[in-house]
C-alpha cells in the first residue's frame, strides 16, 4: 500500500465532485491501468479540441454558437488536463518559476 502522501489522484470525480484517490503499490493493477487509459483519452480529446479551436479561430466566419460550445468543451478538457498534471506531479506551485 502506498503512503498517504503518495495517493494517486484519479481522473474522475466522486459524489459531489470530490476528488477520488487510489492507494496501491501495483502500478500495473486494474485500477491503475484504467486511470492511465482514461487519462490518455482525456489528453487526446484536449488535443483534438485544441486543433478545432485553432481552425475555428482562423476562419473569419466562425459561428458564435459553435464557438461558445467549443469554449465549453475546452473548459472541460482543460479541467481534465490539469487533473492529469496534478496526478502526475507536474503542476508547478503558484508563483514558482519554471525551470528548464
PDB file of N, CA and C in Angstrom:
ATOM      1  N   UNK A   1       0.851  -1.173   0.000  1.00  0.00           N
ATOM      2  CA  UNK A   1       0.000   0.000   0.000  1.00  0.00           C
ATOM      3  C   UNK A   1       0.897   1.236   0.000  1.00  0.00           C
ATOM      4  N   UNK A   2       0.508   2.274  -0.730  1.00  0.00           N
ATOM      5  CA  UNK A   2       1.303   3.488  -0.795  1.00  0.00           C
ATOM      6  C   UNK A   2       1.105   4.330   0.449  1.00  0.00           C
ATOM      7  N   UNK A   3       2.082   5.184   0.719  1.00  0.00           N
ATOM      8  CA  UNK A   3       1.963   6.113   1.841  1.00  0.00           C
ATOM      9  C   UNK A   3       0.886   7.137   1.519  1.00  0.00           C
ATOM     10  N   UNK A   4       0.340   7.793   2.535  1.00  0.00           N
ATOM     11  CA  UNK A   4      -0.744   8.748   2.350  1.00  0.00           C
ATOM     12  C   UNK A   4      -0.361   9.864   1.393  1.00  0.00           C
ATOM     13  N   UNK A   5       0.904  10.261   1.391  1.00  0.00           N
ATOM     14  CA  UNK A   5       1.330  11.339   0.513  1.00  0.00           C
ATOM     15  C   UNK A   5       1.603  10.851  -0.906  1.00  0.00           C
ATOM     16  N   UNK A   6       1.407   9.568  -1.170  1.00  0.00           N
ATOM     17  CA  UNK A   6       1.641   9.009  -2.490  1.00  0.00           C
ATOM     18  C   UNK A   6       0.353   8.506  -3.135  1.00  0.00           C
ATOM     19  N   UNK A   7      -0.781   8.965  -2.660  1.00  0.00           N
ATOM     20  CA  UNK A   7      -2.044   8.572  -3.263  1.00  0.00           C
ATOM     21  C   UNK A   7      -2.128   9.148  -4.673  1.00  0.00           C
ATOM     22  N   UNK A   8      -2.703   8.383  -5.572  1.00  0.00           N
ATOM     23  CA  UNK A   8      -2.857   8.851  -6.948  1.00  0.00           C
ATOM     24  C   UNK A   8      -4.220   9.493  -7.114  1.00  0.00           C
ATOM     25  N   UNK A   9      -4.223  10.719  -7.605  1.00  0.00           N
ATOM     26  CA  UNK A   9      -5.465  11.390  -7.934  1.00  0.00           C
ATOM     27  C   UNK A   9      -6.006  10.760  -9.208  1.00  0.00           C
ATOM     28  N   UNK A  10      -7.215  10.241  -9.143  1.00  0.00           N
ATOM     29  CA  UNK A  10      -7.807   9.573 -10.295  1.00  0.00           C
ATOM     30  C   UNK A  10      -8.437  10.596 -11.238  1.00  0.00           C
ATOM     31  N   UNK A  11      -8.561  10.250 -12.516  1.00  0.00           N
ATOM     32  CA  UNK A  11      -9.055  11.222 -13.498  1.00  0.00           C
ATOM     33  C   UNK A  11     -10.568  11.389 -13.522  1.00  0.00           C
ATOM     34  N   UNK A  12     -11.244  11.021 -12.462  1.00  0.00           N
ATOM     35  CA  UNK A  12     -12.683  11.227 -12.362  1.00  0.00           C
ATOM     36  C   UNK A  12     -13.005  11.702 -10.959  1.00  0.00           C
ATOM     37  N   UNK A  13     -14.182  12.274 -10.810  1.00  0.00           N
ATOM     38  CA  UNK A  13     -14.626  12.789  -9.513  1.00  0.00           C
ATOM     39  C   UNK A  13     -15.627  11.829  -8.893  1.00  0.00           C
ATOM     40  N   UNK A  14     -15.742  11.954  -7.594  1.00  0.00           N
ATOM     41  CA  UNK A  14     -16.721  11.170  -6.865  1.00  0.00           C
ATOM     42  C   UNK A  14     -17.975  11.979  -6.635  1.00  0.00           C
ATOM     43  N   UNK A  15     -18.845  11.508  -5.739  1.00  0.00           N
ATOM     44  CA  UNK A  15     -20.074  12.242  -5.415  1.00  0.00           C
ATOM     45  C   UNK A  15     -19.752  13.662  -4.958  1.00  0.00           C
ATOM     46  N   UNK A  16     -20.541  14.599  -5.425  1.00  0.00           N
ATOM     47  CA  UNK A  16     -20.324  15.992  -5.055  1.00  0.00           C
ATOM     48  C   UNK A  16     -19.088  16.587  -5.692  1.00  0.00           C
ATOM     49  N   UNK A  17     -18.607  15.988  -6.762  1.00  0.00           N
ATOM     50  CA  UNK A  17     -17.404  16.436  -7.485  1.00  0.00           C
ATOM     51  C   UNK A  17     -16.153  16.414  -6.605  1.00  0.00           C
ATOM     52  N   UNK A  18     -16.169  15.553  -5.611  1.00  0.00           N
ATOM     53  CA  UNK A  18     -14.997  15.414  -4.745  1.00  0.00           C
ATOM     54  C   UNK A  18     -13.959  14.531  -5.434  1.00  0.00           C
ATOM     55  N   UNK A  19     -12.672  14.803  -5.208  1.00  0.00           N
ATOM     56  CA  UNK A  19     -11.629  14.005  -5.860  1.00  0.00           C
ATOM     57  C   UNK A  19     -11.613  12.563  -5.359  1.00  0.00           C
ATOM     58  N   UNK A  20     -11.220  11.667  -6.235  1.00  0.00           N
ATOM     59  CA  UNK A  20     -11.058  10.255  -5.899  1.00  0.00           C
ATOM     60  C   UNK A  20      -9.575   9.921  -5.952  1.00  0.00           C
ATOM     61  N   UNK A  21      -9.130   9.089  -5.035  1.00  0.00           N
ATOM     62  CA  UNK A  21      -7.718   8.720  -4.965  1.00  0.00           C
ATOM     63  C   UNK A  21      -7.579   7.207  -4.974  1.00  0.00           C
ATOM     64  N   UNK A  22      -6.445   6.752  -5.454  1.00  0.00           N
ATOM     65  CA  UNK A  22      -6.126   5.337  -5.480  1.00  0.00           C
ATOM     66  C   UNK A  22      -4.907   5.104  -4.601  1.00  0.00           C
ATOM     67  N   UNK A  23      -5.015   4.133  -3.725  1.00  0.00           N
ATOM     68  CA  UNK A  23      -3.900   3.740  -2.875  1.00  0.00           C
ATOM     69  C   UNK A  23      -3.516   2.312  -3.239  1.00  0.00           C
ATOM     70  N   UNK A  24      -2.405   2.178  -3.928  1.00  0.00           N
ATOM     71  CA  UNK A  24      -1.927   0.854  -4.316  1.00  0.00           C
ATOM     72  C   UNK A  24      -0.436   0.919  -4.601  1.00  0.00           C
ATOM     73  N   UNK A  25       0.220  -0.197  -4.446  1.00  0.00           N
ATOM     74  CA  UNK A  25       1.623  -0.259  -4.827  1.00  0.00           C
ATOM     75  C   UNK A  25       1.791  -1.071  -6.110  1.00  0.00           C
ATOM     76  N   UNK A  26       0.664  -1.360  -6.775  1.00  0.00           N
ATOM     77  CA  UNK A  26       0.673  -2.110  -8.025  1.00  0.00           C
ATOM     78  C   UNK A  26       0.319  -1.166  -9.178  1.00  0.00           C
ATOM     79  N   UNK A  27       1.343  -0.579  -9.794  1.00  0.00           N
ATOM     80  CA  UNK A  27       1.112   0.350 -10.900  1.00  0.00           C
ATOM     81  C   UNK A  27       0.542  -0.332 -12.130  1.00  0.00           C
ATOM     82  N   UNK A  28       0.616  -1.639 -12.181  1.00  0.00           N
ATOM     83  CA  UNK A  28       0.071  -2.397 -13.297  1.00  0.00           C
ATOM     84  C   UNK A  28      -1.286  -3.000 -12.998  1.00  0.00           C
ATOM     85  N   UNK A  29      -1.851  -2.657 -11.847  1.00  0.00           N
ATOM     86  CA  UNK A  29      -3.147  -3.204 -11.457  1.00  0.00           C
ATOM     87  C   UNK A  29      -4.284  -2.655 -12.298  1.00  0.00           C
ATOM     88  N   UNK A  30      -5.433  -3.282 -12.166  1.00  0.00           N
ATOM     89  CA  UNK A  30      -6.601  -2.912 -12.972  1.00  0.00           C
ATOM     90  C   UNK A  30      -6.945  -1.430 -12.846  1.00  0.00           C
ATOM     91  N   UNK A  31      -7.063  -0.909 -11.627  1.00  0.00           N
ATOM     92  CA  UNK A  31      -7.454   0.491 -11.431  1.00  0.00           C
ATOM     93  C   UNK A  31      -6.400   1.451 -11.960  1.00  0.00           C
ATOM     94  N   UNK A  32      -5.130   1.114 -11.798  1.00  0.00           N
ATOM     95  CA  UNK A  32      -4.061   1.964 -12.327  1.00  0.00           C
ATOM     96  C   UNK A  32      -4.114   2.010 -13.849  1.00  0.00           C
ATOM     97  N   UNK A  33      -4.314   0.854 -14.470  1.00  0.00           N
ATOM     98  CA  UNK A  33      -4.395   0.808 -15.936  1.00  0.00           C
ATOM     99  C   UNK A  33      -5.640   1.537 -16.435  1.00  0.00           C
ATOM    100  N   UNK A  34      -6.751   1.386 -15.716  1.00  0.00           N
ATOM    101  CA  UNK A  34      -7.977   2.089 -16.082  1.00  0.00           C
ATOM    102  C   UNK A  34      -7.753   3.598 -16.025  1.00  0.00           C
ATOM    103  N   UNK A  35      -7.145   4.070 -14.947  1.00  0.00           N
ATOM    104  CA  UNK A  35      -6.862   5.503 -14.811  1.00  0.00           C
ATOM    105  C   UNK A  35      -5.920   5.971 -15.921  1.00  0.00           C
ATOM    106  N   UNK A  36      -4.887   5.181 -16.238  1.00  0.00           N
ATOM    107  CA  UNK A  36      -3.962   5.534 -17.325  1.00  0.00           C
ATOM    108  C   UNK A  36      -4.705   5.661 -18.649  1.00  0.00           C
ATOM    109  N   UNK A  37      -5.604   4.717 -18.933  1.00  0.00           N
ATOM    110  CA  UNK A  37      -6.354   4.741 -20.189  1.00  0.00           C
ATOM    111  C   UNK A  37      -7.292   5.939 -20.261  1.00  0.00           C
ATOM    112  N   UNK A  38      -7.954   6.251 -19.169  1.00  0.00           N
ATOM    113  CA  UNK A  38      -8.863   7.400 -19.155  1.00  0.00           C
ATOM    114  C   UNK A  38      -8.074   8.690 -19.318  1.00  0.00           C
ATOM    115  N   UNK A  39      -6.917   8.795 -18.664  1.00  0.00           N
ATOM    116  CA  UNK A  39      -6.070   9.974 -18.833  1.00  0.00           C
ATOM    117  C   UNK A  39      -5.639  10.125 -20.287  1.00  0.00           C
ATOM    118  N   UNK A  40      -5.293   9.023 -20.942  1.00  0.00           N
ATOM    119  CA  UNK A  40      -4.877   9.075 -22.350  1.00  0.00           C
ATOM    120  C   UNK A  40      -6.029   9.587 -23.226  1.00  0.00           C
ATOM    121  N   UNK A  41      -7.235   9.127 -22.952  1.00  0.00           N
ATOM    122  CA  UNK A  41      -8.402   9.603 -23.704  1.00  0.00           C
ATOM    123  C   UNK A  41      -8.615  11.093 -23.450  1.00  0.00           C
ATOM    124  N   UNK A  42      -8.499  11.521 -22.188  1.00  0.00           N
ATOM    125  CA  UNK A  42      -8.699  12.932 -21.858  1.00  0.00           C
ATOM    126  C   UNK A  42      -7.659  13.807 -22.560  1.00  0.00           C
ATOM    127  N   UNK A  43      -6.415  13.381 -22.575  1.00  0.00           N
ATOM    128  CA  UNK A  43      -5.371  14.165 -23.241  1.00  0.00           C
ATOM    129  C   UNK A  43      -5.595  14.192 -24.750  1.00  0.00           C
ATOM    130  N   UNK A  44      -6.032  13.080 -25.314  1.00  0.00           N
ATOM    131  CA  UNK A  44      -6.335  13.040 -26.745  1.00  0.00           C
ATOM    132  C   UNK A  44      -7.492  13.959 -27.109  1.00  0.00           C
ATOM    133  N   UNK A  45      -8.513  13.962 -26.281  1.00  0.00           N
ATOM    134  CA  UNK A  45      -9.655  14.845 -26.502  1.00  0.00           C
ATOM    135  C   UNK A  45      -9.225  16.303 -26.447  1.00  0.00           C
ATOM    136  N   UNK A  46      -8.386  16.648 -25.491  1.00  0.00           N
ATOM    137  CA  UNK A  46      -7.895  18.020 -25.366  1.00  0.00           C
ATOM    138  C   UNK A  46      -7.116  18.419 -26.620  1.00  0.00           C
ATOM    139  N   UNK A  47      -6.295  17.526 -27.149  1.00  0.00           N
ATOM    140  CA  UNK A  47      -5.529  17.817 -28.362  1.00  0.00           C
ATOM    141  C   UNK A  47      -6.461  18.045 -29.552  1.00  0.00           C
ATOM    142  N   UNK A  48      -7.499  17.220 -29.670  1.00  0.00           N
ATOM    143  CA  UNK A  48      -8.467  17.378 -30.763  1.00  0.00           C
ATOM    144  C   UNK A  48      -9.215  18.709 -30.641  1.00  0.00           C
ATOM    145  N   UNK A  49      -9.623  19.064 -29.432  1.00  0.00           N
ATOM    146  CA  UNK A  49     -10.328  20.323 -29.228  1.00  0.00           C
ATOM    147  C   UNK A  49      -9.434  21.517 -29.518  1.00  0.00           C
ATOM    148  N   UNK A  50      -8.177  21.413 -29.172  1.00  0.00           N
ATOM    149  CA  UNK A  50      -7.238  22.490 -29.465  1.00  0.00           C
ATOM    150  C   UNK A  50      -7.107  22.687 -30.974  1.00  0.00           C
ATOM    151  N   UNK A  51      -7.030  21.600 -31.700  1.00  0.00           N
ATOM    152  CA  UNK A  51      -6.975  21.661 -33.168  1.00  0.00           C
ATOM    153  C   UNK A  51      -8.238  22.328 -33.721  1.00  0.00           C
ATOM    154  N   UNK A  52      -9.399  21.924 -33.202  1.00  0.00           N
ATOM    155  CA  UNK A  52     -10.661  22.523 -33.650  1.00  0.00           C
ATOM    156  C   UNK A  52     -10.713  24.013 -33.340  1.00  0.00           C
ATOM    157  N   UNK A  53     -10.220  24.389 -32.161  1.00  0.00           N
ATOM    158  CA  UNK A  53     -10.224  25.796 -31.779  1.00  0.00           C
ATOM    159  C   UNK A  53      -9.316  26.601 -32.699  1.00  0.00           C
ATOM    160  N   UNK A  54      -8.153  26.069 -33.011  1.00  0.00           N
ATOM    161  CA  UNK A  54      -7.223  26.767 -33.910  1.00  0.00           C
ATOM    162  C   UNK A  54      -7.861  26.982 -35.277  1.00  0.00           C
ATOM    163  N   UNK A  55      -8.527  25.958 -35.797  1.00  0.00           N
ATOM    164  CA  UNK A  55      -9.186  26.067 -37.100  1.00  0.00           C
ATOM    165  C   UNK A  55     -10.348  27.059 -37.052  1.00  0.00           C
ATOM    166  N   UNK A  56     -11.126  27.010 -35.977  1.00  0.00           N
ATOM    167  CA  UNK A  56     -12.276  27.904 -35.855  1.00  0.00           C
ATOM    168  C   UNK A  56     -11.846  29.355 -35.744  1.00  0.00           C
ATOM    169  N   UNK A  57     -10.804  29.607 -35.000  1.00  0.00           N
ATOM    170  CA  UNK A  57     -10.338  30.979 -34.815  1.00  0.00           C
ATOM    171  C   UNK A  57      -9.662  31.525 -36.059  1.00  0.00           C
ATOM    172  N   UNK A  58      -9.147  30.652 -36.900  1.00  0.00           N
ATOM    173  CA  UNK A  58      -8.504  31.086 -38.141  1.00  0.00           C
ATOM    174  C   UNK A  58      -9.554  31.514 -39.167  1.00  0.00           C
ATOM    175  N   UNK A  59     -10.760  30.969 -39.082  1.00  0.00           N
ATOM    176  CA  UNK A  59     -11.834  31.318 -40.012  1.00  0.00           C
ATOM    177  C   UNK A  59     -12.499  32.616 -39.613  1.00  0.00           C
ATOM    178  N   UNK A  60     -12.823  33.424 -40.609  1.00  0.00           N
ATOM    179  CA  UNK A  60     -13.456  34.714 -40.329  1.00  0.00           C
ATOM    180  C   UNK A  60     -14.964  34.593 -40.123  1.00  0.00           C
ATOM    181  N   UNK A  61     -15.540  33.485 -40.523  1.00  0.00           N
ATOM    182  CA  UNK A  61     -16.985  33.327 -40.429  1.00  0.00           C
ATOM    183  C   UNK A  61     -17.380  32.316 -39.350  1.00  0.00           C
ATOM    184  N   UNK A  62     -16.661  32.314 -38.238  1.00  0.00           N
ATOM    185  CA  UNK A  62     -16.944  31.377 -37.154  1.00  0.00           C
ATOM    186  C   UNK A  62     -18.297  31.697 -36.533  1.00  0.00           C
ATOM    187  N   UNK A  63     -19.100  30.670 -36.352  1.00  0.00           N
ATOM    188  CA  UNK A  63     -20.433  30.806 -35.776  1.00  0.00           C
ATOM    189  C   UNK A  63     -20.325  31.011 -34.268  1.00  0.00           C
ATOM    190  N   UNK A  64     -20.912  32.085 -33.734  1.00  0.00           N
ATOM    191  CA  UNK A  64     -20.810  32.355 -32.290  1.00  0.00           C
ATOM    192  C   UNK A  64     -21.354  31.224 -31.412  1.00  0.00           C
ATOM    193  N   UNK A  65     -22.402  30.562 -31.856  1.00  0.00           N
ATOM    194  CA  UNK A  65     -22.971  29.466 -31.062  1.00  0.00           C
ATOM    195  C   UNK A  65     -22.000  28.288 -31.021  1.00  0.00           C
ATOM    196  N   UNK A  66     -21.375  27.986 -32.156  1.00  0.00           N
ATOM    197  CA  UNK A  66     -20.392  26.904 -32.189  1.00  0.00           C
ATOM    198  C   UNK A  66     -19.158  27.257 -31.368  1.00  0.00           C
ATOM    199  N   UNK A  67     -18.738  28.521 -31.416  1.00  0.00           N
ATOM    200  CA  UNK A  67     -17.591  28.953 -30.612  1.00  0.00           C
ATOM    201  C   UNK A  67     -17.892  28.842 -29.118  1.00  0.00           C
ATOM    202  N   UNK A  68     -19.109  29.169 -28.740  1.00  0.00           N
ATOM    203  CA  UNK A  68     -19.492  29.051 -27.326  1.00  0.00           C
ATOM    204  C   UNK A  68     -19.435  27.592 -26.880  1.00  0.00           C
ATOM    205  N   UNK A  69     -19.941  26.682 -27.719  1.00  0.00           N
ATOM    206  CA  UNK A  69     -19.895  25.247 -27.405  1.00  0.00           C
ATOM    207  C   UNK A  69     -18.452  24.762 -27.320  1.00  0.00           C
ATOM    208  N   UNK A  70     -17.624  25.236 -28.244  1.00  0.00           N
ATOM    209  CA  UNK A  70     -16.215  24.867 -28.245  1.00  0.00           C
ATOM    210  C   UNK A  70     -15.524  25.355 -26.969  1.00  0.00           C
ATOM    211  N   UNK A  71     -15.840  26.581 -26.548  1.00  0.00           N
ATOM    212  CA  UNK A  71     -15.261  27.103 -25.295  1.00  0.00           C
ATOM    213  C   UNK A  71     -15.693  26.260 -24.099  1.00  0.00           C
ATOM    214  N   UNK A  72     -16.937  25.837 -24.101  1.00  0.00           N
ATOM    215  CA  UNK A  72     -17.441  24.968 -23.022  1.00  0.00           C
ATOM    216  C   UNK A  72     -16.656  23.656 -23.004  1.00  0.00           C
ATOM    217  N   UNK A  73     -16.481  23.050 -24.186  1.00  0.00           N
ATOM    218  CA  UNK A  73     -15.742  21.789 -24.282  1.00  0.00           C
ATOM    219  C   UNK A  73     -14.272  21.971 -23.908  1.00  0.00           C
ATOM    220  N   UNK A  74     -13.679  23.084 -24.334  1.00  0.00           N
ATOM    221  CA  UNK A  74     -12.281  23.357 -23.989  1.00  0.00           C
ATOM    222  C   UNK A  74     -12.106  23.534 -22.485  1.00  0.00           C
ATOM    223  N   UNK A  75     -13.080  24.164 -21.837  1.00  0.00           N
ATOM    224  CA  UNK A  75     -13.015  24.334 -20.380  1.00  0.00           C
ATOM    225  C   UNK A  75     -12.993  22.985 -19.677  1.00  0.00           C
ATOM    226  N   UNK A  76     -13.843  22.077 -20.110  1.00  0.00           N
ATOM    227  CA  UNK A  76     -13.854  20.735 -19.531  1.00  0.00           C
ATOM    228  C   UNK A  76     -12.555  19.996 -19.790  1.00  0.00           C
ATOM    229  N   UNK A  77     -12.034  20.133 -21.017  1.00  0.00           N
ATOM    230  CA  UNK A  77     -10.777  19.460 -21.361  1.00  0.00           C
ATOM    231  C   UNK A  77      -9.617  20.031 -20.541  1.00  0.00           C
ATOM    232  N   UNK A  78      -9.604  21.344 -20.355  1.00  0.00           N
ATOM    233  CA  UNK A  78      -8.542  21.953 -19.553  1.00  0.00           C
ATOM    234  C   UNK A  78      -8.618  21.472 -18.113  1.00  0.00           C
ATOM    235  N   UNK A  79      -9.818  21.318 -17.588  1.00  0.00           N
ATOM    236  CA  UNK A  79     -10.000  20.800 -16.228  1.00  0.00           C
ATOM    237  C   UNK A  79      -9.419  19.381 -16.130  1.00  0.00           C
ATOM    238  N   UNK A  80      -9.699  18.564 -17.146  1.00  0.00           N
ATOM    239  CA  UNK A  80      -9.179  17.191 -17.162  1.00  0.00           C
ATOM    240  C   UNK A  80      -7.654  17.168 -17.258  1.00  0.00           C
ATOM    241  N   UNK A  81      -7.091  18.014 -18.112  1.00  0.00           N
ATOM    242  CA  UNK A  81      -5.636  18.051 -18.296  1.00  0.00           C
ATOM    243  C   UNK A  81      -4.950  18.515 -17.015  1.00  0.00           C
ATOM    244  N   UNK A  82      -5.541  19.496 -16.336  1.00  0.00           N
ATOM    245  CA  UNK A  82      -4.963  19.939 -15.060  1.00  0.00           C
ATOM    246  C   UNK A  82      -5.015  18.825 -14.023  1.00  0.00           C
ATOM    247  N   UNK A  83      -6.085  18.059 -14.022  1.00  0.00           N
ATOM    248  CA  UNK A  83      -6.187  16.934 -13.087  1.00  0.00           C
ATOM    249  C   UNK A  83      -5.093  15.908 -13.384  1.00  0.00           C
ATOM    250  N   UNK A  84      -4.850  15.640 -14.669  1.00  0.00           N
ATOM    251  CA  UNK A  84      -3.788  14.710 -15.051  1.00  0.00           C
ATOM    252  C   UNK A  84      -2.439  15.255 -14.585  1.00  0.00           C
ATOM    253  N   UNK A  85      -2.214  16.549 -14.778  1.00  0.00           N
ATOM    254  CA  UNK A  85      -0.945  17.156 -14.367  1.00  0.00           C
ATOM    255  C   UNK A  85      -0.750  17.047 -12.853  1.00  0.00           C
ATOM    256  N   UNK A  86      -1.798  17.322 -12.103  1.00  0.00           N
ATOM    257  CA  UNK A  86      -1.704  17.201 -10.644  1.00  0.00           C
ATOM    258  C   UNK A  86      -1.423  15.752 -10.268  1.00  0.00           C
ATOM    259  N   UNK A  87      -2.141  14.841 -10.904  1.00  0.00           N
ATOM    260  CA  UNK A  87      -1.979  13.425 -10.604  1.00  0.00           C
ATOM    261  C   UNK A  87      -0.559  12.954 -10.854  1.00  0.00           C
ATOM    262  N   UNK A  88       0.025  13.440 -11.906  1.00  0.00           N
ATOM    263  CA  UNK A  88       1.381  13.020 -12.271  1.00  0.00           C
ATOM    264  C   UNK A  88       2.462  13.856 -11.603  1.00  0.00           C
ATOM    265  N   UNK A  89       2.044  14.871 -10.827  1.00  0.00           N
ATOM    266  CA  UNK A  89       3.008  15.664 -10.079  1.00  0.00           C
ATOM    267  C   UNK A  89       3.777  16.669 -10.900  1.00  0.00           C
ATOM    268  N   UNK A  90       3.206  17.084 -12.036  1.00  0.00           N
ATOM    269  CA  UNK A  90       3.908  18.017 -12.897  1.00  0.00           C
ATOM    270  C   UNK A  90       3.372  19.438 -12.807  1.00  0.00           C
ATOM    271  N   UNK A  91       2.480  19.693 -11.888  1.00  0.00           N
ATOM    272  CA  UNK A  91       1.908  21.023 -11.768  1.00  0.00           C
ATOM    273  C   UNK A  91       2.804  21.879 -10.881  1.00  0.00           C
ATOM    274  N   UNK A  92       3.216  23.026 -11.393  1.00  0.00           N
ATOM    275  CA  UNK A  92       4.043  23.939 -10.606  1.00  0.00           C
ATOM    276  C   UNK A  92       3.181  24.647  -9.570  1.00  0.00           C
ATOM    277  N   UNK A  93       3.760  24.903  -8.425  1.00  0.00           N
ATOM    278  CA  UNK A  93       3.058  25.666  -7.398  1.00  0.00           C
ATOM    279  C   UNK A  93       2.879  27.098  -7.898  1.00  0.00           C
ATOM    280  N   UNK A  94       1.783  27.774  -7.503  1.00  0.00           N
ATOM    281  CA  UNK A  94       1.578  29.156  -7.939  1.00  0.00           C
ATOM    282  C   UNK A  94       2.776  30.031  -7.585  1.00  0.00           C
ATOM    283  N   UNK A  95       3.225  30.790  -8.540  1.00  0.00           N
ATOM    284  CA  UNK A  95       4.338  31.684  -8.323  1.00  0.00           C
ATOM    285  C   UNK A  95       5.700  31.035  -8.422  1.00  0.00           C
ATOM    286  N   UNK A  96       5.744  29.731  -8.572  1.00  0.00           N
ATOM    287  CA  UNK A  96       7.023  29.042  -8.690  1.00  0.00           C
ATOM    288  C   UNK A  96       7.582  29.235 -10.094  1.00  0.00           C
ATOM    289  N   UNK A  97       8.819  29.665 -10.216  1.00  0.00           N
ATOM    290  CA  UNK A  97       9.379  29.870 -11.554  1.00  0.00           C
ATOM    291  C   UNK A  97       9.567  28.533 -12.272  1.00  0.00           C
ATOM    292  N   UNK A  98       9.382  28.587 -13.578  1.00  0.00           N
ATOM    293  CA  UNK A  98       9.546  27.391 -14.399  1.00  0.00           C
ATOM    294  C   UNK A  98      11.029  27.204 -14.693  1.00  0.00           C
ATOM    295  N   UNK A  99      11.546  26.051 -14.367  1.00  0.00           N
ATOM    296  CA  UNK A  99      12.964  25.761 -14.591  1.00  0.00           C
ATOM    297  C   UNK A  99      13.110  24.879 -15.815  1.00  0.00           C
ATOM    298  N   UNK A 100      14.076  25.221 -16.634  1.00  0.00           N
ATOM    299  CA  UNK A 100      14.328  24.442 -17.850  1.00  0.00           C
ATOM    300  C   UNK A 100      15.496  23.513 -17.633  1.00  0.00           C
TER     301      UNK A 100
END
